[in-house]
């Protein structure tokens, strides 16, 4: 999994797998989901990042894993 923030494009892209995207769908204004040939999600793009999260510090991103319920 890879997260890319493009400040010039004002966008964030989350890559879930290295499989190439065969189609894209805008599921909400400015939210684009990329799918592979088997219709699995391979990536998610968020446009207008500065308007959606104006206070976000893209230099300090925190990733947290939630433990599985057991």
N, C-alpha and C. Protein backbone atom coordinates (compact mmCIF):
# COMPACT_ATOMS: atom_id res chain seq x y z
N UNK A 1 0.85 -1.16 0.00
CA UNK A 1 0.00 0.00 0.00
C UNK A 1 0.91 1.23 0.00
N UNK A 2 0.49 2.22 -0.79
CA UNK A 2 1.31 3.42 -0.90
C UNK A 2 0.40 4.64 -0.93
N UNK A 3 0.79 5.70 -0.24
CA UNK A 3 0.03 6.94 -0.21
C UNK A 3 0.88 8.03 -0.84
N UNK A 4 0.31 8.72 -1.82
CA UNK A 4 1.03 9.80 -2.49
C UNK A 4 0.21 11.07 -2.39
N UNK A 5 0.83 12.14 -1.91
CA UNK A 5 0.19 13.45 -1.85
C UNK A 5 0.89 14.33 -2.86
N UNK A 6 0.12 14.84 -3.81
CA UNK A 6 0.64 15.74 -4.85
C UNK A 6 0.11 17.13 -4.54
N UNK A 7 0.96 17.94 -3.90
CA UNK A 7 0.52 19.27 -3.48
C UNK A 7 0.22 20.17 -4.67
N UNK A 8 0.96 20.01 -5.75
CA UNK A 8 0.73 20.83 -6.94
C UNK A 8 -0.63 20.52 -7.56
N UNK A 9 -1.02 19.25 -7.60
CA UNK A 9 -2.32 18.84 -8.13
C UNK A 9 -3.42 18.94 -7.08
N UNK A 10 -3.04 19.18 -5.81
CA UNK A 10 -3.97 19.24 -4.69
C UNK A 10 -4.76 17.94 -4.59
N UNK A 11 -4.02 16.83 -4.63
CA UNK A 11 -4.66 15.52 -4.66
C UNK A 11 -3.90 14.52 -3.80
N UNK A 12 -4.63 13.50 -3.38
CA UNK A 12 -4.06 12.38 -2.62
C UNK A 12 -4.43 11.11 -3.36
N UNK A 13 -3.47 10.19 -3.50
CA UNK A 13 -3.76 8.91 -4.15
C UNK A 13 -3.28 7.77 -3.26
N UNK A 14 -4.19 6.85 -3.00
CA UNK A 14 -3.88 5.66 -2.21
C UNK A 14 -3.82 4.47 -3.15
N UNK A 15 -2.64 3.89 -3.29
CA UNK A 15 -2.45 2.70 -4.12
C UNK A 15 -2.61 1.49 -3.23
N UNK A 16 -3.54 0.61 -3.58
CA UNK A 16 -3.79 -0.58 -2.78
C UNK A 16 -3.05 -1.79 -3.31
N UNK A 17 -2.78 -1.81 -4.61
CA UNK A 17 -2.08 -2.91 -5.25
C UNK A 17 -1.36 -2.37 -6.48
N UNK A 18 -0.36 -3.08 -6.93
CA UNK A 18 0.39 -2.65 -8.11
C UNK A 18 -0.28 -3.05 -9.43
N UNK A 19 -1.41 -3.73 -9.35
CA UNK A 19 -2.13 -4.12 -10.57
C UNK A 19 -2.56 -2.86 -11.33
N UNK A 20 -2.50 -2.91 -12.66
CA UNK A 20 -2.90 -1.73 -13.44
C UNK A 20 -4.42 -1.52 -13.39
N UNK A 21 -4.81 -0.28 -13.42
CA UNK A 21 -6.23 0.05 -13.45
C UNK A 21 -6.76 -0.10 -14.87
N UNK A 22 -7.93 -0.70 -14.98
CA UNK A 22 -8.54 -0.84 -16.30
C UNK A 22 -9.72 0.12 -16.48
N UNK A 23 -10.23 0.63 -15.35
CA UNK A 23 -11.30 1.62 -15.44
C UNK A 23 -11.34 2.43 -14.15
N UNK A 24 -11.95 3.59 -14.24
CA UNK A 24 -12.10 4.48 -13.09
C UNK A 24 -13.55 4.92 -12.98
N UNK A 25 -13.96 5.20 -11.76
CA UNK A 25 -15.33 5.66 -11.52
C UNK A 25 -15.30 6.76 -10.47
N UNK A 26 -15.92 7.89 -10.77
CA UNK A 26 -16.05 8.96 -9.79
C UNK A 26 -17.26 8.62 -8.92
N UNK A 27 -17.00 8.18 -7.70
CA UNK A 27 -18.06 7.69 -6.82
C UNK A 27 -18.73 8.81 -6.03
N UNK A 28 -18.06 9.94 -5.96
CA UNK A 28 -18.55 11.14 -5.30
C UNK A 28 -17.76 12.28 -5.93
N UNK A 29 -18.26 13.52 -5.89
CA UNK A 29 -17.49 14.59 -6.51
C UNK A 29 -16.04 14.66 -5.99
N UNK A 30 -15.09 14.48 -6.89
CA UNK A 30 -13.68 14.54 -6.54
C UNK A 30 -13.10 13.29 -5.91
N UNK A 31 -13.87 12.21 -5.82
CA UNK A 31 -13.38 10.93 -5.29
C UNK A 31 -13.46 9.91 -6.42
N UNK A 32 -12.30 9.44 -6.85
CA UNK A 32 -12.22 8.53 -7.99
C UNK A 32 -11.64 7.20 -7.54
N UNK A 33 -12.34 6.13 -7.89
CA UNK A 33 -11.89 4.78 -7.54
C UNK A 33 -11.44 4.09 -8.82
N UNK A 34 -10.24 3.51 -8.79
CA UNK A 34 -9.69 2.76 -9.91
C UNK A 34 -9.87 1.27 -9.68
N UNK A 35 -10.26 0.56 -10.74
CA UNK A 35 -10.51 -0.88 -10.67
C UNK A 35 -9.62 -1.61 -11.67
N UNK A 36 -9.28 -2.87 -11.34
CA UNK A 36 -8.52 -3.71 -12.29
C UNK A 36 -9.50 -4.48 -13.17
N UNK A 37 -8.97 -5.39 -13.97
CA UNK A 37 -9.78 -6.17 -14.90
C UNK A 37 -10.83 -7.04 -14.20
N UNK A 38 -10.56 -7.45 -12.95
CA UNK A 38 -11.49 -8.29 -12.20
C UNK A 38 -12.44 -7.46 -11.31
N UNK A 39 -12.44 -6.15 -11.51
CA UNK A 39 -13.26 -5.21 -10.74
C UNK A 39 -12.86 -5.10 -9.27
N UNK A 40 -11.60 -5.42 -8.96
CA UNK A 40 -11.07 -5.18 -7.62
C UNK A 40 -10.55 -3.74 -7.56
N UNK A 41 -10.73 -3.09 -6.43
CA UNK A 41 -10.23 -1.73 -6.25
C UNK A 41 -8.70 -1.77 -6.17
N UNK A 42 -8.04 -0.97 -7.00
CA UNK A 42 -6.57 -0.91 -6.97
C UNK A 42 -6.07 0.43 -6.46
N UNK A 43 -6.94 1.45 -6.44
CA UNK A 43 -6.51 2.75 -5.96
C UNK A 43 -7.68 3.69 -5.77
N UNK A 44 -7.45 4.70 -4.94
CA UNK A 44 -8.47 5.71 -4.65
C UNK A 44 -7.80 7.08 -4.71
N UNK A 45 -8.41 7.99 -5.44
CA UNK A 45 -7.88 9.34 -5.56
C UNK A 45 -8.86 10.34 -4.96
N UNK A 46 -8.32 11.29 -4.19
CA UNK A 46 -9.12 12.35 -3.61
C UNK A 46 -8.60 13.68 -4.16
N UNK A 47 -9.44 14.38 -4.89
CA UNK A 47 -9.09 15.67 -5.44
C UNK A 47 -9.50 16.78 -4.48
N UNK A 48 -8.94 17.98 -4.68
CA UNK A 48 -9.25 19.16 -3.85
C UNK A 48 -8.92 18.90 -2.39
N UNK A 49 -7.78 18.30 -2.14
CA UNK A 49 -7.38 17.90 -0.78
C UNK A 49 -7.37 19.09 0.18
N UNK A 50 -6.87 20.24 -0.25
CA UNK A 50 -6.77 21.39 0.66
C UNK A 50 -8.13 21.91 1.07
N UNK A 51 -9.15 21.70 0.25
CA UNK A 51 -10.51 22.13 0.61
C UNK A 51 -11.18 21.09 1.51
N UNK A 52 -10.85 19.83 1.32
CA UNK A 52 -11.46 18.76 2.12
C UNK A 52 -10.85 18.67 3.52
N UNK A 53 -9.56 18.94 3.61
CA UNK A 53 -8.84 18.85 4.89
C UNK A 53 -7.86 20.01 4.96
N UNK A 54 -8.36 21.23 5.19
CA UNK A 54 -7.50 22.41 5.13
C UNK A 54 -6.38 22.45 6.17
N UNK A 55 -6.55 21.78 7.28
CA UNK A 55 -5.54 21.82 8.34
C UNK A 55 -4.58 20.64 8.29
N UNK A 56 -4.68 19.78 7.28
CA UNK A 56 -3.84 18.58 7.23
C UNK A 56 -2.37 18.98 6.99
N UNK A 57 -1.49 18.36 7.73
CA UNK A 57 -0.06 18.54 7.54
C UNK A 57 0.43 17.31 6.78
N UNK A 58 0.60 17.45 5.46
CA UNK A 58 0.96 16.30 4.64
C UNK A 58 2.37 15.79 4.91
N UNK A 59 3.14 16.54 5.67
CA UNK A 59 4.48 16.08 6.05
C UNK A 59 4.42 15.15 7.26
N UNK A 60 3.28 15.16 7.98
CA UNK A 60 3.12 14.32 9.17
C UNK A 60 1.84 13.52 9.06
N UNK A 61 1.92 12.38 8.47
CA UNK A 61 0.77 11.50 8.36
C UNK A 61 0.96 10.32 9.30
N UNK A 62 -0.08 9.95 10.01
CA UNK A 62 -0.03 8.86 10.97
C UNK A 62 -0.86 7.70 10.46
N UNK A 63 -0.27 6.53 10.43
CA UNK A 63 -0.98 5.32 10.01
C UNK A 63 -1.17 4.45 11.24
N UNK A 64 -2.38 3.96 11.39
CA UNK A 64 -2.70 3.17 12.56
C UNK A 64 -3.39 1.88 12.12
N UNK A 65 -2.95 0.78 12.66
CA UNK A 65 -3.59 -0.50 12.41
C UNK A 65 -4.48 -0.83 13.61
N UNK A 66 -5.70 -1.19 13.32
CA UNK A 66 -6.65 -1.55 14.38
C UNK A 66 -6.53 -3.05 14.61
N UNK A 67 -6.34 -3.48 15.85
CA UNK A 67 -6.22 -4.92 16.13
C UNK A 67 -7.51 -5.65 15.76
N UNK A 68 -7.36 -6.88 15.30
CA UNK A 68 -8.51 -7.69 14.96
C UNK A 68 -9.21 -8.16 16.23
N UNK A 69 -10.53 -8.19 16.16
CA UNK A 69 -11.30 -8.69 17.29
C UNK A 69 -11.06 -10.19 17.42
N UNK A 70 -10.90 -10.66 18.59
CA UNK A 70 -10.55 -12.07 18.72
C UNK A 70 -11.44 -12.75 19.62
